[in-house]
Amino acid sequence: TIPMMELVSLVPIIMGVCLATVSHLEVNSLGLMWGCFGILSTSMYQIWVKEEQKRLGCNAQQLLYFQAPISTVMLLFVAAYVDDAIV
């Protein structure tokens, strides 16, 4: 069974999806592909993070503390490329 708090947390997400669906009716294959990719990658990342927390025996804040420097270095180069910034 799913805990009640998790079900309640889904309410704003479902409302947002409904609002976006009603207010924006254009659908194309490129948007569908990116939407599916975004959902899949986010889901896989969340599962991986939970498994890493279990494996390392740490809480979310500790995991974030160790992950932040690596993420900063990785995203520094990606952001510079994507945003056309000069570093």
PDB file of N, CA and C in Angstrom:
ATOM      1  N   THR A   1       0.835  -1.189   0.000  1.00  0.00           N
ATOM      2  CA  THR A   1       0.000   0.000   0.000  1.00  0.00           C
ATOM      3  C   THR A   1       0.883   1.257   0.000  1.00  0.00           C
ATOM      4  N   ILE A   2       0.345   2.302  -0.520  1.00  0.00           N
ATOM      5  CA  ILE A   2       1.053   3.582  -0.587  1.00  0.00           C
ATOM      6  C   ILE A   2       0.650   4.421   0.612  1.00  0.00           C
ATOM      7  N   PRO A   3       1.633   4.982   1.325  1.00  0.00           N
ATOM      8  CA  PRO A   3       1.306   5.831   2.484  1.00  0.00           C
ATOM      9  C   PRO A   3       0.450   7.033   2.079  1.00  0.00           C
ATOM     10  N   MET A   4      -0.398   7.462   2.988  1.00  0.00           N
ATOM     11  CA  MET A   4      -1.336   8.560   2.726  1.00  0.00           C
ATOM     12  C   MET A   4      -0.608   9.845   2.342  1.00  0.00           C
ATOM     13  N   MET A   5       0.520  10.143   2.990  1.00  0.00           N
ATOM     14  CA  MET A   5       1.256  11.377   2.688  1.00  0.00           C
ATOM     15  C   MET A   5       1.777  11.375   1.254  1.00  0.00           C
ATOM     16  N   GLU A   6       2.185  10.215   0.742  1.00  0.00           N
ATOM     17  CA  GLU A   6       2.636  10.137  -0.644  1.00  0.00           C
ATOM     18  C   GLU A   6       1.461  10.369  -1.607  1.00  0.00           C
ATOM     19  N   LEU A   7       0.326   9.825  -1.277  1.00  0.00           N
ATOM     20  CA  LEU A   7      -0.858  10.056  -2.115  1.00  0.00           C
ATOM     21  C   LEU A   7      -1.252  11.530  -2.118  1.00  0.00           C
ATOM     22  N   VAL A   8      -1.212  12.170  -0.962  1.00  0.00           N
ATOM     23  CA  VAL A   8      -1.557  13.590  -0.862  1.00  0.00           C
ATOM     24  C   VAL A   8      -0.558  14.434  -1.647  1.00  0.00           C
ATOM     25  N   SER A   9       0.722  14.037  -1.652  1.00  0.00           N
ATOM     26  CA  SER A   9       1.727  14.815  -2.382  1.00  0.00           C
ATOM     27  C   SER A   9       1.533  14.732  -3.894  1.00  0.00           C
ATOM     28  N   LEU A  10       0.810  13.735  -4.362  1.00  0.00           N
ATOM     29  CA  LEU A  10       0.539  13.608  -5.795  1.00  0.00           C
ATOM     30  C   LEU A  10      -0.555  14.547  -6.285  1.00  0.00           C
ATOM     31  N   VAL A  11      -1.376  15.049  -5.374  1.00  0.00           N
ATOM     32  CA  VAL A  11      -2.507  15.899  -5.763  1.00  0.00           C
ATOM     33  C   VAL A  11      -2.057  17.137  -6.548  1.00  0.00           C
ATOM     34  N   PRO A  12      -1.074  17.935  -6.078  1.00  0.00           N
ATOM     35  CA  PRO A  12      -0.679  19.107  -6.866  1.00  0.00           C
ATOM     36  C   PRO A  12      -0.064  18.742  -8.219  1.00  0.00           C
ATOM     37  N   ILE A  13       0.608  17.603  -8.272  1.00  0.00           N
ATOM     38  CA  ILE A  13       1.200  17.173  -9.549  1.00  0.00           C
ATOM     39  C   ILE A  13       0.097  16.832 -10.543  1.00  0.00           C
ATOM     40  N   ILE A  14      -0.875  16.078 -10.094  1.00  0.00           N
ATOM     41  CA  ILE A  14      -1.986  15.691 -10.970  1.00  0.00           C
ATOM     42  C   ILE A  14      -2.766  16.926 -11.416  1.00  0.00           C
ATOM     43  N   MET A  15      -2.994  17.864 -10.497  1.00  0.00           N
ATOM     44  CA  MET A  15      -3.700  19.096 -10.861  1.00  0.00           C
ATOM     45  C   MET A  15      -2.905  19.889 -11.893  1.00  0.00           C
ATOM     46  N   GLY A  16      -1.583  19.948 -11.732  1.00  0.00           N
ATOM     47  CA  GLY A  16      -0.742  20.660 -12.695  1.00  0.00           C
ATOM     48  C   GLY A  16      -0.772  20.025 -14.068  1.00  0.00           C
ATOM     49  N   VAL A  17      -0.744  18.709 -14.118  1.00  0.00           N
ATOM     50  CA  VAL A  17      -0.824  18.002 -15.403  1.00  0.00           C
ATOM     51  C   VAL A  17      -2.172  18.256 -16.060  1.00  0.00           C
ATOM     52  N   CYS A  18      -3.226  18.201 -15.273  1.00  0.00           N
ATOM     53  CA  CYS A  18      -4.568  18.471 -15.821  1.00  0.00           C
ATOM     54  C   CYS A  18      -4.668  19.897 -16.352  1.00  0.00           C
ATOM     55  N   LEU A  19      -4.165  20.852 -15.605  1.00  0.00           N
ATOM     56  CA  LEU A  19      -4.204  22.251 -16.036  1.00  0.00           C
ATOM     57  C   LEU A  19      -3.395  22.456 -17.317  1.00  0.00           C
ATOM     58  N   ALA A  20      -2.212  21.862 -17.378  1.00  0.00           N
ATOM     59  CA  ALA A  20      -1.380  21.997 -18.578  1.00  0.00           C
ATOM     60  C   ALA A  20      -2.046  21.328 -19.776  1.00  0.00           C
ATOM     61  N   THR A  21      -2.698  20.204 -19.552  1.00  0.00           N
ATOM     62  CA  THR A  21      -3.371  19.497 -20.643  1.00  0.00           C
ATOM     63  C   THR A  21      -4.553  20.292 -21.181  1.00  0.00           C
ATOM     64  N   VAL A  22      -5.324  20.881 -20.299  1.00  0.00           N
ATOM     65  CA  VAL A  22      -6.503  21.628 -20.716  1.00  0.00           C
ATOM     66  C   VAL A  22      -6.117  22.942 -21.391  1.00  0.00           C
ATOM     67  N   SER A  23      -5.072  23.603 -20.884  1.00  0.00           N
ATOM     68  CA  SER A  23      -4.727  24.923 -21.408  1.00  0.00           C
ATOM     69  C   SER A  23      -3.795  24.871 -22.615  1.00  0.00           C
ATOM     70  N   HIS A  24      -3.203  23.727 -22.890  1.00  0.00           N
ATOM     71  CA  HIS A  24      -2.275  23.633 -24.025  1.00  0.00           C
ATOM     72  C   HIS A  24      -2.560  22.341 -24.768  1.00  0.00           C
ATOM     73  N   LEU A  25      -3.234  22.440 -25.890  1.00  0.00           N
ATOM     74  CA  LEU A  25      -3.705  21.260 -26.590  1.00  0.00           C
ATOM     75  C   LEU A  25      -2.796  20.796 -27.713  1.00  0.00           C
ATOM     76  N   GLU A  26      -1.720  21.506 -28.008  1.00  0.00           N
ATOM     77  CA  GLU A  26      -0.838  21.107 -29.102  1.00  0.00           C
ATOM     78  C   GLU A  26       0.067  19.958 -28.649  1.00  0.00           C
ATOM     79  N   VAL A  27       0.096  18.889 -29.424  1.00  0.00           N
ATOM     80  CA  VAL A  27       0.937  17.735 -29.131  1.00  0.00           C
ATOM     81  C   VAL A  27       1.751  17.420 -30.379  1.00  0.00           C
ATOM     82  N   ASN A  28       3.054  17.225 -30.196  1.00  0.00           N
ATOM     83  CA  ASN A  28       3.874  16.793 -31.320  1.00  0.00           C
ATOM     84  C   ASN A  28       4.834  15.709 -30.851  1.00  0.00           C
ATOM     85  N   SER A  29       5.423  15.015 -31.791  1.00  0.00           N
ATOM     86  CA  SER A  29       6.261  13.866 -31.443  1.00  0.00           C
ATOM     87  C   SER A  29       7.536  14.288 -30.717  1.00  0.00           C
ATOM     88  N   LEU A  30       8.098  15.439 -31.057  1.00  0.00           N
ATOM     89  CA  LEU A  30       9.317  15.896 -30.381  1.00  0.00           C
ATOM     90  C   LEU A  30       9.031  16.210 -28.910  1.00  0.00           C
ATOM     91  N   GLY A  31       7.948  16.903 -28.645  1.00  0.00           N
ATOM     92  CA  GLY A  31       7.573  17.201 -27.261  1.00  0.00           C
ATOM     93  C   GLY A  31       7.249  15.944 -26.477  1.00  0.00           C
ATOM     94  N   LEU A  32       6.585  15.003 -27.127  1.00  0.00           N
ATOM     95  CA  LEU A  32       6.280  13.729 -26.483  1.00  0.00           C
ATOM     96  C   LEU A  32       7.560  12.982 -26.135  1.00  0.00           C
ATOM     97  N   MET A  33       8.513  12.977 -27.059  1.00  0.00           N
ATOM     98  CA  MET A  33       9.779  12.290 -26.819  1.00  0.00           C
ATOM     99  C   MET A  33      10.520  12.913 -25.634  1.00  0.00           C
ATOM    100  N   TRP A  34      10.628  14.249 -25.612  1.00  0.00           N
ATOM    101  CA  TRP A  34      11.334  14.921 -24.518  1.00  0.00           C
ATOM    102  C   TRP A  34      10.598  14.759 -23.195  1.00  0.00           C
ATOM    103  N   GLY A  35       9.285  14.770 -23.226  1.00  0.00           N
ATOM    104  CA  GLY A  35       8.503  14.556 -22.015  1.00  0.00           C
ATOM    105  C   GLY A  35       8.726  13.161 -21.437  1.00  0.00           C
ATOM    106  N   CYS A  36       8.685  12.163 -22.296  1.00  0.00           N
ATOM    107  CA  CYS A  36       8.933  10.790 -21.847  1.00  0.00           C
ATOM    108  C   CYS A  36      10.355  10.630 -21.340  1.00  0.00           C
ATOM    109  N   PHE A  37      11.305  11.237 -22.034  1.00  0.00           N
ATOM    110  CA  PHE A  37      12.703  11.171 -21.595  1.00  0.00           C
ATOM    111  C   PHE A  37      12.871  11.831 -20.227  1.00  0.00           C
ATOM    112  N   GLY A  38      12.225  12.963 -20.013  1.00  0.00           N
ATOM    113  CA  GLY A  38      12.320  13.662 -18.734  1.00  0.00           C
ATOM    114  C   GLY A  38      11.741  12.844 -17.590  1.00  0.00           C
ATOM    115  N   ILE A  39      10.589  12.238 -17.816  1.00  0.00           N
ATOM    116  CA  ILE A  39       9.963  11.414 -16.783  1.00  0.00           C
ATOM    117  C   ILE A  39      10.813  10.184 -16.493  1.00  0.00           C
ATOM    118  N   LEU A  40      11.297   9.529 -17.534  1.00  0.00           N
ATOM    119  CA  LEU A  40      12.110   8.330 -17.357  1.00  0.00           C
ATOM    120  C   LEU A  40      13.417   8.638 -16.628  1.00  0.00           C
ATOM    121  N   SER A  41      14.107   9.696 -17.053  1.00  0.00           N
ATOM    122  CA  SER A  41      15.389  10.022 -16.423  1.00  0.00           C
ATOM    123  C   SER A  41      15.204  10.458 -14.968  1.00  0.00           C
ATOM    124  N   THR A  42      14.162  11.214 -14.675  1.00  0.00           N
ATOM    125  CA  THR A  42      13.903  11.627 -13.302  1.00  0.00           C
ATOM    126  C   THR A  42      13.568  10.425 -12.426  1.00  0.00           C
ATOM    127  N   SER A  43      12.774   9.515 -12.942  1.00  0.00           N
ATOM    128  CA  SER A  43      12.423   8.315 -12.191  1.00  0.00           C
ATOM    129  C   SER A  43      13.650   7.464 -11.905  1.00  0.00           C
ATOM    130  N   MET A  44      14.477   7.259 -12.904  1.00  0.00           N
ATOM    131  CA  MET A  44      15.684   6.451 -12.712  1.00  0.00           C
ATOM    132  C   MET A  44      16.639   7.121 -11.734  1.00  0.00           C
ATOM    133  N   TYR A  45      16.750   8.435 -11.791  1.00  0.00           N
ATOM    134  CA  TYR A  45      17.623   9.165 -10.870  1.00  0.00           C
ATOM    135  C   TYR A  45      17.128   9.030  -9.429  1.00  0.00           C
ATOM    136  N   GLN A  46      15.837   9.149  -9.222  1.00  0.00           N
ATOM    137  CA  GLN A  46      15.281   9.029  -7.880  1.00  0.00           C
ATOM    138  C   GLN A  46      15.510   7.630  -7.306  1.00  0.00           C
ATOM    139  N   ILE A  47      15.347   6.615  -8.134  1.00  0.00           N
ATOM    140  CA  ILE A  47      15.600   5.248  -7.686  1.00  0.00           C
ATOM    141  C   ILE A  47      17.073   5.074  -7.345  1.00  0.00           C
ATOM    142  N   TRP A  48      17.954   5.588  -8.189  1.00  0.00           N
ATOM    143  CA  TRP A  48      19.394   5.481  -7.943  1.00  0.00           C
ATOM    144  C   TRP A  48      19.795   6.194  -6.651  1.00  0.00           C
ATOM    145  N   VAL A  49      19.270   7.390  -6.426  1.00  0.00           N
ATOM    146  CA  VAL A  49      19.600   8.140  -5.211  1.00  0.00           C
ATOM    147  C   VAL A  49      19.159   7.365  -3.973  1.00  0.00           C
ATOM    148  N   LYS A  50      17.982   6.791  -4.002  1.00  0.00           N
ATOM    149  CA  LYS A  50      17.498   6.027  -2.852  1.00  0.00           C
ATOM    150  C   LYS A  50      18.391   4.811  -2.593  1.00  0.00           C
ATOM    151  N   GLU A  51      18.804   4.138  -3.652  1.00  0.00           N
ATOM    152  CA  GLU A  51      19.687   2.985  -3.491  1.00  0.00           C
ATOM    153  C   GLU A  51      21.052   3.403  -2.945  1.00  0.00           C
ATOM    154  N   GLU A  52      21.574   4.539  -3.399  1.00  0.00           N
ATOM    155  CA  GLU A  52      22.850   5.035  -2.890  1.00  0.00           C
ATOM    156  C   GLU A  52      22.742   5.407  -1.410  1.00  0.00           C
ATOM    157  N   GLN A  53      21.630   5.985  -1.024  1.00  0.00           N
ATOM    158  CA  GLN A  53      21.408   6.313   0.389  1.00  0.00           C
ATOM    159  C   GLN A  53      21.441   5.046   1.238  1.00  0.00           C
ATOM    160  N   LYS A  54      20.773   4.021   0.774  1.00  0.00           N
ATOM    161  CA  LYS A  54      20.764   2.760   1.508  1.00  0.00           C
ATOM    162  C   LYS A  54      22.166   2.159   1.569  1.00  0.00           C
ATOM    163  N   ARG A  55      22.860   2.163   0.434  1.00  0.00           N
ATOM    164  CA  ARG A  55      24.187   1.551   0.360  1.00  0.00           C
ATOM    165  C   ARG A  55      25.183   2.271   1.259  1.00  0.00           C
ATOM    166  N   LEU A  56      25.131   3.604   1.263  1.00  0.00           N
ATOM    167  CA  LEU A  56      26.074   4.387   2.055  1.00  0.00           C
ATOM    168  C   LEU A  56      25.633   4.575   3.502  1.00  0.00           C
ATOM    169  N   GLY A  57      24.380   4.319   3.775  1.00  0.00           N
ATOM    170  CA  GLY A  57      23.870   4.479   5.132  1.00  0.00           C
ATOM    171  C   GLY A  57      23.854   5.926   5.584  1.00  0.00           C
ATOM    172  N   CYS A  58      23.438   6.817   4.701  1.00  0.00           N
ATOM    173  CA  CYS A  58      23.411   8.237   5.047  1.00  0.00           C
ATOM    174  C   CYS A  58      22.021   8.803   4.767  1.00  0.00           C
ATOM    175  N   ASN A  59      21.776   9.997   5.306  1.00  0.00           N
ATOM    176  CA  ASN A  59      20.482  10.626   5.046  1.00  0.00           C
ATOM    177  C   ASN A  59      20.591  11.517   3.799  1.00  0.00           C
ATOM    178  N   ALA A  60      19.498  12.134   3.418  1.00  0.00           N
ATOM    179  CA  ALA A  60      19.457  12.922   2.182  1.00  0.00           C
ATOM    180  C   ALA A  60      20.426  14.108   2.225  1.00  0.00           C
ATOM    181  N   GLN A  61      20.519  14.776   3.360  1.00  0.00           N
ATOM    182  CA  GLN A  61      21.415  15.933   3.477  1.00  0.00           C
ATOM    183  C   GLN A  61      22.869  15.527   3.329  1.00  0.00           C
ATOM    184  N   GLN A  62      23.253  14.402   3.920  1.00  0.00           N
ATOM    185  CA  GLN A  62      24.628  13.930   3.805  1.00  0.00           C
ATOM    186  C   GLN A  62      24.955  13.562   2.362  1.00  0.00           C
ATOM    187  N   LEU A  63      24.032  12.900   1.696  1.00  0.00           N
ATOM    188  CA  LEU A  63      24.250  12.522   0.303  1.00  0.00           C
ATOM    189  C   LEU A  63      24.391  13.761  -0.573  1.00  0.00           C
ATOM    190  N   LEU A  64      23.558  14.753  -0.344  1.00  0.00           N
ATOM    191  CA  LEU A  64      23.646  15.997  -1.091  1.00  0.00           C
ATOM    192  C   LEU A  64      24.974  16.706  -0.846  1.00  0.00           C
ATOM    193  N   TYR A  65      25.444  16.668   0.387  1.00  0.00           N
ATOM    194  CA  TYR A  65      26.714  17.293   0.749  1.00  0.00           C
ATOM    195  C   TYR A  65      27.875  16.667  -0.043  1.00  0.00           C
ATOM    196  N   PHE A  66      27.855  15.359  -0.202  1.00  0.00           N
ATOM    197  CA  PHE A  66      28.917  14.687  -0.936  1.00  0.00           C
ATOM    198  C   PHE A  66      28.749  14.813  -2.453  1.00  0.00           C
ATOM    199  N   GLN A  67      27.535  14.937  -2.911  1.00  0.00           N
ATOM    200  CA  GLN A  67      27.262  14.993  -4.347  1.00  0.00           C
ATOM    201  C   GLN A  67      27.448  16.389  -4.931  1.00  0.00           C
ATOM    202  N   ALA A  68      27.255  17.427  -4.149  1.00  0.00           N
ATOM    203  CA  ALA A  68      27.249  18.801  -4.658  1.00  0.00           C
ATOM    204  C   ALA A  68      28.549  19.202  -5.366  1.00  0.00           C
ATOM    205  N   PRO A  69      29.730  18.936  -4.830  1.00  0.00           N
ATOM    206  CA  PRO A  69      30.946  19.340  -5.540  1.00  0.00           C
ATOM    207  C   PRO A  69      31.099  18.662  -6.903  1.00  0.00           C
ATOM    208  N   ILE A  70      30.747  17.395  -6.981  1.00  0.00           N
ATOM    209  CA  ILE A  70      30.845  16.673  -8.254  1.00  0.00           C
ATOM    210  C   ILE A  70      29.857  17.250  -9.259  1.00  0.00           C
ATOM    211  N   SER A  71      28.642  17.507  -8.814  1.00  0.00           N
ATOM    212  CA  SER A  71      27.619  18.077  -9.691  1.00  0.00           C
ATOM    213  C   SER A  71      28.024  19.461 -10.182  1.00  0.00           C
ATOM    214  N   THR A  72      28.634  20.247  -9.312  1.00  0.00           N
ATOM    215  CA  THR A  72      29.062  21.595  -9.689  1.00  0.00           C
ATOM    216  C   THR A  72      30.080  21.544 -10.818  1.00  0.00           C
ATOM    217  N   VAL A  73      31.052  20.683 -10.686  1.00  0.00           N
ATOM    218  CA  VAL A  73      32.088  20.571 -11.718  1.00  0.00           C
ATOM    219  C   VAL A  73      31.483  20.091 -13.034  1.00  0.00           C
ATOM    220  N   MET A  74      30.608  19.074 -12.960  1.00  0.00           N
ATOM    221  CA  MET A  74      29.995  18.554 -14.183  1.00  0.00           C
ATOM    222  C   MET A  74      29.117  19.595 -14.861  1.00  0.00           C
ATOM    223  N   LEU A  75      28.297  20.294 -14.077  1.00  0.00           N
ATOM    224  CA  LEU A  75      27.357  21.247 -14.657  1.00  0.00           C
ATOM    225  C   LEU A  75      28.019  22.548 -15.098  1.00  0.00           C
ATOM    226  N   LEU A  76      29.180  22.849 -14.567  1.00  0.00           N
ATOM    227  CA  LEU A  76      29.891  24.065 -14.969  1.00  0.00           C
ATOM    228  C   LEU A  76      30.163  24.055 -16.468  1.00  0.00           C
ATOM    229  N   PHE A  77      30.629  22.927 -16.964  1.00  0.00           N
ATOM    230  CA  PHE A  77      30.942  22.821 -18.388  1.00  0.00           C
ATOM    231  C   PHE A  77      29.684  22.709 -19.238  1.00  0.00           C
ATOM    232  N   VAL A  78      28.690  21.987 -18.763  1.00  0.00           N
ATOM    233  CA  VAL A  78      27.445  21.843 -19.513  1.00  0.00           C
ATOM    234  C   VAL A  78      26.717  23.182 -19.598  1.00  0.00           C
ATOM    235  N   ALA A  79      26.645  23.899 -18.486  1.00  0.00           N
ATOM    236  CA  ALA A  79      25.949  25.187 -18.467  1.00  0.00           C
ATOM    237  C   ALA A  79      26.638  26.191 -19.380  1.00  0.00           C
ATOM    238  N   ALA A  80      27.964  26.195 -19.369  1.00  0.00           N
ATOM    239  CA  ALA A  80      28.694  27.118 -20.241  1.00  0.00           C
ATOM    240  C   ALA A  80      28.404  26.821 -21.714  1.00  0.00           C
ATOM    241  N   TYR A  81      28.310  25.583 -22.076  1.00  0.00           N
ATOM    242  CA  TYR A  81      28.027  25.205 -23.449  1.00  0.00           C
ATOM    243  C   TYR A  81      26.576  25.534 -23.831  1.00  0.00           C
ATOM    244  N   VAL A  82      25.653  25.162 -22.979  1.00  0.00           N
ATOM    245  CA  VAL A  82      24.237  25.341 -23.279  1.00  0.00           C
ATOM    246  C   VAL A  82      23.839  26.806 -23.284  1.00  0.00           C
ATOM    247  N   ASP A  83      24.387  27.594 -22.362  1.00  0.00           N
ATOM    248  CA  ASP A  83      24.032  29.008 -22.245  1.00  0.00           C
ATOM    249  C   ASP A  83      24.908  29.924 -23.108  1.00  0.00           C
ATOM    250  N   ASP A  84      25.843  29.359 -23.868  1.00  0.00           N
ATOM    251  CA  ASP A  84      26.775  30.134 -24.692  1.00  0.00           C
ATOM    252  C   ASP A  84      27.543  31.164 -23.859  1.00  0.00           C
ATOM    253  N   ALA A  85      27.901  30.792 -22.649  1.00  0.00           N
ATOM    254  CA  ALA A  85      28.653  31.688 -21.769  1.00  0.00           C
ATOM    255  C   ALA A  85      30.146  31.458 -21.946  1.00  0.00           C
ATOM    256  N   ILE A  86      30.896  32.490 -21.678  1.00  0.00           N
ATOM    257  CA  ILE A  86      32.356  32.387 -21.724  1.00  0.00           C
ATOM    258  C   ILE A  86      32.839  32.239 -20.289  1.00  0.00           C
ATOM    259  N   VAL A  87      33.539  31.131 -20.024  1.00  0.00           N
ATOM    260  CA  VAL A  87      34.042  30.868 -18.672  1.00  0.00           C
ATOM    261  C   VAL A  87      35.511  31.203 -18.618  1.00  0.00           C
TER     262      VAL A  87
END
